[in-house]
Amino acid sequence: MMKGLLIAAGAAFALPAAALGGVGWYFCQKFLKRNEDPYKDDELADENYTKGYGKEYEIGVRWNERAPFEELTLTARDGTRLVGGFLPAEGEARRAVLLVHGWHSTWQKDFAGIVQYYHEHGADVLCIEQRGQRRSGGEYITMGIRESEDVAEWTAYLAERTKPDIPVYLHGISMGATSVLMAQAEKLPARVRGIVADCGFTSPWDIARACLKNWFNLPAYPFMPAIRLMTKLLAGYDMKEKSTLEILRTARIPTLFISGTKDDFVPPHMTIHNYQVCSAPKRLCLVDDASHAFSWYFDNEKYISALESFFAELEEK
């Protein structure tokens, strides 16, 4: 009888543990595993075609694909091969900007229209492909944790590549915004004058928990601990290793925070919370009715006005 009870108890423990492990594994594959074709099934564009912005978006993507970028490679601190592209300003460069795309995406998509704007308005542009995405190495995305270290390395390259008397800015969208915000915990060149963070999340843990709820309607406990463990095993990092909020509490680089009020992937309250805790000089631009990563199109004039006033204030000093 005792043997039977032990077997039953073992099964009662093993089955839930296996189920939790399965959820953790599946979540890591869907959320963090490399997507070999980020152009396939572009839901972001499809969603916004119905709102009248898809055609402009497509034109911006095609402009980015045709522009004469110089392909660059860089070796990350952990040996991962990273890929980027450099495009000098159309005229005399007045600033240099590092552009960092988001989760399972590309800079051609996330900065459709924005690259052209920077290029035509006096900015040397460096667009990077984040690890675990497209041509950069790495099998797993780390939601800004390792990417923020990569941003620091790319920023150092950009500072060396461009004229020493022009300011450097970091501009990220979605997970890219989190990457540039977290990069403040790294050693950045003194020329970094400001950061533009468009719809970044408050921490990797927070966005994973939000996706668990939104995608699967599952509670944080006991599933998030299982996801955290599986992330450590598969991707080699801890989701709680870094927090955007904690880094922003000691931030010193002036930051422009941007979010669409109808963002249903990275909810606007995350941008607002990031803005509230940020200890550096800061601005907040909320774009009415804009969906995720589409604020540029929903109110182009407001977005450009926010950028130009931000740059003007910092460059007058």
Protein backbone atom coordinates (compact mmCIF):
# COMPACT_ATOMS: atom_id res chain seq x y z
CA MET A 1 0.00 0.00 0.00
CA MET A 2 2.81 2.40 0.90
CA LYS A 3 4.42 1.82 -2.50
CA GLY A 4 1.13 2.61 -4.21
CA LEU A 5 0.73 5.81 -2.22
CA LEU A 6 4.25 6.90 -3.14
CA ILE A 7 3.60 6.24 -6.82
CA ALA A 8 0.34 8.16 -6.65
CA ALA A 9 2.00 11.05 -4.84
CA GLY A 10 4.82 11.10 -7.37
CA ALA A 11 2.35 11.15 -10.25
CA ALA A 12 0.33 13.90 -8.57
CA PHE A 13 3.50 16.01 -8.40
CA ALA A 14 4.99 15.05 -11.76
CA LEU A 15 1.93 15.73 -13.91
CA PRO A 16 1.42 19.38 -12.84
CA ALA A 17 5.18 19.95 -13.03
CA ALA A 18 5.24 18.57 -16.57
CA ALA A 19 2.29 20.75 -17.51
CA LEU A 20 3.98 23.86 -16.13
CA GLY A 21 7.20 22.94 -17.91
CA GLY A 22 5.27 22.51 -21.15
CA VAL A 23 3.71 25.95 -20.83
CA GLY A 24 7.12 27.45 -20.06
CA TRP A 25 8.69 25.73 -23.06
CA TYR A 26 5.91 26.75 -25.44
CA PHE A 27 5.96 30.34 -24.23
CA CYS A 28 9.72 30.56 -24.76
CA GLN A 29 9.42 29.18 -28.27
CA LYS A 30 6.67 31.62 -29.22
CA PHE A 31 7.90 34.64 -27.31
CA LEU A 32 11.70 34.38 -27.40
CA LYS A 33 12.82 31.93 -30.10
CA ARG A 34 14.30 33.36 -33.30
CA ASN A 35 11.75 34.04 -36.06
CA GLU A 36 13.45 33.32 -39.35
CA ASP A 37 11.05 35.44 -41.40
CA PRO A 38 9.93 38.63 -39.60
CA TYR A 39 8.44 39.91 -42.87
CA LYS A 40 5.93 37.06 -43.07
CA ASP A 41 2.34 37.79 -42.07
CA ASP A 42 2.93 41.42 -41.15
CA GLU A 43 0.00 41.78 -38.75
CA LEU A 44 1.11 45.27 -37.76
CA ALA A 45 0.66 46.56 -41.30
CA ASP A 46 -2.54 44.55 -41.89
CA GLU A 47 -4.12 45.98 -38.74
CA ASN A 48 -3.32 49.54 -39.76
CA TYR A 49 -4.34 49.24 -43.42
CA THR A 50 -7.91 49.31 -42.17
CA LYS A 51 -7.17 52.56 -40.38
CA GLY A 52 -5.76 54.21 -43.51
CA TYR A 53 -2.07 54.14 -42.61
CA GLY A 54 -0.90 50.92 -44.26
CA LYS A 55 0.02 52.43 -47.62
CA GLU A 56 2.26 55.08 -46.04
CA TYR A 57 3.84 52.37 -43.93
CA GLU A 58 4.56 50.24 -46.99
CA ILE A 59 6.15 53.19 -48.81
CA GLY A 60 8.40 53.79 -45.79
CA VAL A 61 9.45 50.14 -45.64
CA ARG A 62 10.34 50.13 -49.36
CA TRP A 63 12.35 53.37 -48.98
CA ASN A 64 14.36 51.76 -46.18
CA GLU A 65 15.00 48.66 -48.28
CA ARG A 66 16.28 50.70 -51.24
CA ALA A 67 18.41 53.21 -49.32
CA PRO A 68 22.20 52.72 -49.76
CA PHE A 69 23.03 51.50 -46.28
CA GLU A 70 26.57 50.33 -45.61
CA GLU A 71 26.36 46.91 -43.97
CA LEU A 72 28.28 46.63 -40.71
CA THR A 73 29.11 43.82 -38.32
CA LEU A 74 30.03 43.96 -34.66
CA THR A 75 30.93 41.29 -32.13
CA ALA A 76 28.95 41.48 -28.90
CA ARG A 77 30.56 41.00 -25.49
CA ASP A 78 29.45 37.37 -25.42
CA GLY A 79 30.76 36.70 -28.94
CA THR A 80 27.43 37.01 -30.76
CA ARG A 81 27.75 38.40 -34.29
CA LEU A 82 25.58 41.48 -34.76
CA VAL A 83 24.59 43.23 -37.99
CA GLY A 84 23.72 46.86 -38.65
CA GLY A 85 23.54 49.41 -41.44
CA PHE A 86 24.95 52.95 -41.64
CA LEU A 87 23.41 55.74 -43.73
CA PRO A 88 25.06 59.19 -43.68
CA ALA A 89 22.95 62.34 -43.60
CA GLU A 90 21.76 63.69 -46.93
CA GLY A 91 23.55 66.99 -46.26
CA GLU A 92 25.80 68.13 -43.47
CA ALA A 93 25.32 66.00 -40.37
CA ARG A 94 24.00 67.87 -37.31
CA ARG A 95 23.42 64.79 -35.17
CA ALA A 96 23.82 61.02 -35.21
CA VAL A 97 21.02 58.62 -34.30
CA LEU A 98 21.08 54.93 -33.39
CA LEU A 99 17.76 53.26 -34.31
CA VAL A 100 16.74 50.08 -32.48
CA HIS A 101 13.76 48.01 -33.66
CA GLY A 102 11.39 45.92 -31.59
CA TRP A 103 10.42 42.34 -30.81
CA HIS A 104 10.29 39.91 -33.76
CA SER A 105 10.62 42.80 -36.16
CA THR A 106 13.07 44.75 -38.34
CA TRP A 107 14.23 48.35 -38.48
CA GLN A 108 12.89 48.54 -42.04
CA LYS A 109 9.40 47.99 -40.62
CA ASP A 110 9.53 49.72 -37.25
CA PHE A 111 11.20 52.86 -38.61
CA ALA A 112 9.26 53.08 -41.86
CA GLY A 113 9.22 56.80 -42.62
CA ILE A 114 11.39 57.69 -39.62
CA VAL A 115 14.70 56.73 -41.24
CA GLN A 116 13.94 58.92 -44.24
CA TYR A 117 13.01 61.82 -41.97
CA TYR A 118 16.28 61.59 -40.05
CA HIS A 119 18.34 61.15 -43.23
CA GLU A 120 16.79 64.23 -44.85
CA HIS A 121 17.07 66.35 -41.71
CA GLY A 122 20.76 66.21 -41.01
CA ALA A 123 21.24 62.93 -39.15
CA ASP A 124 23.77 60.18 -39.69
CA VAL A 125 21.76 57.01 -39.03
CA LEU A 126 22.84 53.63 -37.72
CA CYS A 127 20.12 50.98 -37.79
CA ILE A 128 20.85 47.72 -35.98
CA GLU A 129 19.37 44.25 -36.09
CA GLN A 130 18.86 43.02 -32.55
CA ARG A 131 20.22 39.65 -31.45
CA GLY A 132 18.04 36.64 -32.18
CA GLN A 133 16.49 38.49 -35.10
CA ARG A 134 17.13 38.55 -38.82
CA ARG A 135 20.86 38.49 -39.72
CA SER A 136 22.24 39.01 -36.21
CA GLY A 137 23.29 35.93 -34.29
CA GLY A 138 21.71 34.36 -31.25
CA GLU A 139 18.88 31.87 -31.01
CA TYR A 140 16.83 33.70 -28.39
CA ILE A 141 15.63 37.25 -27.83
CA THR A 142 16.39 38.52 -24.31
CA MET A 143 13.84 41.36 -24.14
CA GLY A 144 16.42 44.12 -23.68
CA ILE A 145 18.65 42.39 -21.13
CA ARG A 146 21.54 41.44 -23.44
CA GLU A 147 20.35 43.81 -26.18
CA SER A 148 21.03 46.82 -23.93
CA GLU A 149 24.67 45.74 -23.75
CA ASP A 150 24.70 45.48 -27.54
CA VAL A 151 23.26 48.99 -27.79
CA ALA A 152 26.16 50.30 -25.72
CA GLU A 153 28.66 48.68 -28.10
CA TRP A 154 26.89 50.04 -31.19
CA THR A 155 26.69 53.50 -29.61
CA ALA A 156 30.44 53.50 -29.05
CA TYR A 157 30.91 52.58 -32.71
CA LEU A 158 28.56 55.36 -33.85
CA ALA A 159 30.39 57.93 -31.73
CA GLU A 160 33.70 56.89 -33.29
CA ARG A 161 32.29 56.81 -36.82
CA THR A 162 30.71 60.28 -36.84
CA LYS A 163 31.98 63.84 -36.42
CA PRO A 164 33.15 64.45 -32.84
CA ASP A 165 31.26 67.75 -32.49
CA ILE A 166 27.72 66.43 -33.13
CA PRO A 167 25.39 64.93 -30.49
CA VAL A 168 24.39 61.28 -30.48
CA TYR A 169 20.83 60.07 -29.79
CA LEU A 170 19.32 56.65 -29.17
CA HIS A 171 15.85 56.00 -30.60
CA GLY A 172 14.08 52.71 -29.89
CA ILE A 173 10.61 51.37 -30.61
CA SER A 174 8.83 48.74 -28.47
CA MET A 175 11.48 46.28 -27.22
CA GLY A 176 14.01 48.58 -28.89
CA ALA A 177 12.85 51.37 -26.57
CA THR A 178 13.48 49.10 -23.60
CA SER A 179 16.92 48.23 -25.00
CA VAL A 180 17.96 51.90 -25.25
CA LEU A 181 16.51 52.79 -21.85
CA MET A 182 18.32 49.88 -20.19
CA ALA A 183 21.55 50.84 -21.97
CA GLN A 184 21.86 53.68 -19.46
CA ALA A 185 23.13 51.09 -17.01
CA GLU A 186 26.10 50.58 -19.34
CA LYS A 187 29.01 52.91 -20.08
CA LEU A 188 27.88 55.18 -22.91
CA PRO A 189 29.90 57.80 -24.80
CA ALA A 190 29.74 61.32 -23.35
CA ARG A 191 28.28 62.53 -26.65
CA VAL A 192 24.97 60.75 -26.02
CA ARG A 193 22.68 63.73 -25.58
CA GLY A 194 19.23 62.12 -25.41
CA ILE A 195 17.00 59.07 -25.76
CA VAL A 196 13.72 58.62 -27.63
CA ALA A 197 11.70 55.72 -26.20
CA ASP A 198 8.61 54.89 -28.24
CA CYS A 199 6.29 52.39 -26.47
CA GLY A 200 8.86 50.64 -24.29
CA PHE A 201 7.85 48.27 -21.49
CA THR A 202 8.58 48.52 -17.77
CA SER A 203 10.55 45.25 -17.54
CA PRO A 204 10.96 41.93 -19.39
CA TRP A 205 9.03 40.24 -16.58
CA ASP A 206 6.13 42.69 -16.85
CA ILE A 207 5.69 42.33 -20.62
CA ALA A 208 5.94 38.53 -20.44
CA ARG A 209 3.28 38.50 -17.72
CA ALA A 210 1.05 40.77 -19.82
CA CYS A 211 1.45 38.51 -22.87
CA LEU A 212 0.70 35.42 -20.80
CA LYS A 213 -2.58 37.02 -19.79
CA ASN A 214 -3.45 38.47 -23.20
CA TRP A 215 -2.48 35.47 -25.33
CA PHE A 216 -3.44 32.55 -23.10
CA ASN A 217 -5.62 34.09 -20.38
CA LEU A 218 -3.41 32.47 -17.75
CA PRO A 219 -2.54 33.91 -14.33
CA ALA A 220 0.98 34.95 -13.38
CA TYR A 221 1.20 32.26 -10.70
CA PRO A 222 2.21 29.46 -11.10
CA PHE A 223 3.02 29.97 -14.78
CA MET A 224 5.46 32.90 -14.67
CA PRO A 225 7.90 31.07 -12.36
CA ALA A 226 7.87 28.16 -14.83
CA ILE A 227 8.51 30.54 -17.73
CA ARG A 228 11.31 32.19 -15.80
CA LEU A 229 12.96 28.84 -15.12
CA MET A 230 12.59 27.70 -18.73
CA THR A 231 14.06 31.01 -19.95
CA LYS A 232 17.12 30.41 -17.78
CA LEU A 233 17.50 26.87 -19.13
CA LEU A 234 16.91 27.62 -22.82
CA ALA A 235 18.03 31.21 -23.33
CA GLY A 236 20.56 31.56 -20.52
CA TYR A 237 19.25 34.65 -18.76
CA ASP A 238 16.94 35.63 -15.92
CA MET A 239 13.83 37.66 -16.79
CA LYS A 240 14.26 39.57 -13.53
CA GLU A 241 17.94 40.29 -14.17
CA LYS A 242 17.17 43.88 -15.26
CA SER A 243 14.21 46.22 -14.91
CA THR A 244 13.59 49.31 -17.00
CA LEU A 245 12.00 51.00 -14.01
CA GLU A 246 14.95 50.36 -11.71
CA ILE A 247 17.42 51.71 -14.28
CA LEU A 248 15.29 54.79 -14.92
CA ARG A 249 15.24 55.66 -11.21
CA THR A 250 18.90 56.65 -11.51
CA ALA A 251 18.85 57.82 -15.14
CA ARG A 252 20.75 60.95 -16.19
CA ILE A 253 20.16 61.12 -19.95
CA PRO A 254 17.25 63.34 -21.08
CA THR A 255 14.46 61.19 -22.49
CA LEU A 256 11.45 61.68 -24.71
CA PHE A 257 8.78 59.04 -23.98
CA ILE A 258 6.20 58.32 -26.70
CA SER A 259 3.16 56.01 -26.73
CA GLY A 260 -0.08 55.54 -28.61
CA THR A 261 -3.13 55.67 -26.37
CA LYS A 262 -4.61 52.57 -28.06
CA ASP A 263 -1.49 50.42 -27.84
CA ASP A 264 -2.75 46.91 -27.00
CA PHE A 265 0.65 45.18 -26.96
CA VAL A 266 2.76 47.44 -24.74
CA PRO A 267 -0.03 49.27 -22.88
CA PRO A 268 0.44 53.04 -22.55
CA HIS A 269 0.46 52.80 -18.76
CA MET A 270 3.91 51.20 -19.06
CA THR A 271 5.28 54.25 -20.91
CA ILE A 272 3.61 56.54 -18.38
CA HIS A 273 5.12 54.56 -15.49
CA ASN A 274 8.57 54.72 -17.12
CA TYR A 275 8.13 58.46 -17.50
CA GLN A 276 7.02 58.92 -13.90
CA VAL A 277 9.99 57.15 -12.33
CA CYS A 278 12.63 58.57 -14.69
CA SER A 279 15.03 60.79 -12.75
CA ALA A 280 16.50 62.46 -15.86
CA PRO A 281 15.00 65.49 -17.65
CA LYS A 282 12.01 64.08 -19.50
CA ARG A 283 9.11 64.71 -21.84
CA LEU A 284 5.97 62.67 -22.55
CA CYS A 285 4.15 62.53 -25.89
CA LEU A 286 0.90 60.55 -26.01
CA VAL A 287 -0.59 60.10 -29.49
CA ASP A 288 -4.37 59.80 -29.45
CA ASP A 289 -5.80 56.54 -30.82
CA ALA A 290 -2.43 55.27 -32.09
CA SER A 291 -1.90 51.51 -32.03
CA HIS A 292 1.34 49.74 -31.17
CA ALA A 293 4.45 51.27 -32.80
CA PHE A 294 2.31 53.35 -35.17
CA SER A 295 2.31 56.75 -33.45
CA TRP A 296 4.42 58.16 -36.31
CA TYR A 297 1.54 57.56 -38.74
CA PHE A 298 -1.43 58.39 -36.54
CA ASP A 299 -0.14 61.89 -35.86
CA ASN A 300 2.99 62.56 -37.88
CA GLU A 301 3.00 66.28 -37.12
CA LYS A 302 2.81 65.71 -33.37
CA TYR A 303 5.58 63.10 -33.48
CA ILE A 304 7.92 65.33 -35.51
CA SER A 305 7.12 68.35 -33.35
CA ALA A 306 8.00 66.35 -30.23
CA LEU A 307 11.30 65.22 -31.77
CA GLU A 308 12.32 68.65 -33.02
CA SER A 309 11.50 70.48 -29.79
CA PHE A 310 13.37 67.78 -27.84
CA PHE A 311 16.45 68.15 -30.06
CA ALA A 312 16.27 71.94 -30.04
CA GLU A 313 16.16 72.12 -26.26
CA LEU A 314 19.13 69.80 -25.85
CA GLU A 315 21.23 71.30 -28.63
CA GLU A 316 20.77 74.89 -27.46
CA LYS A 317 22.67 74.07 -24.27
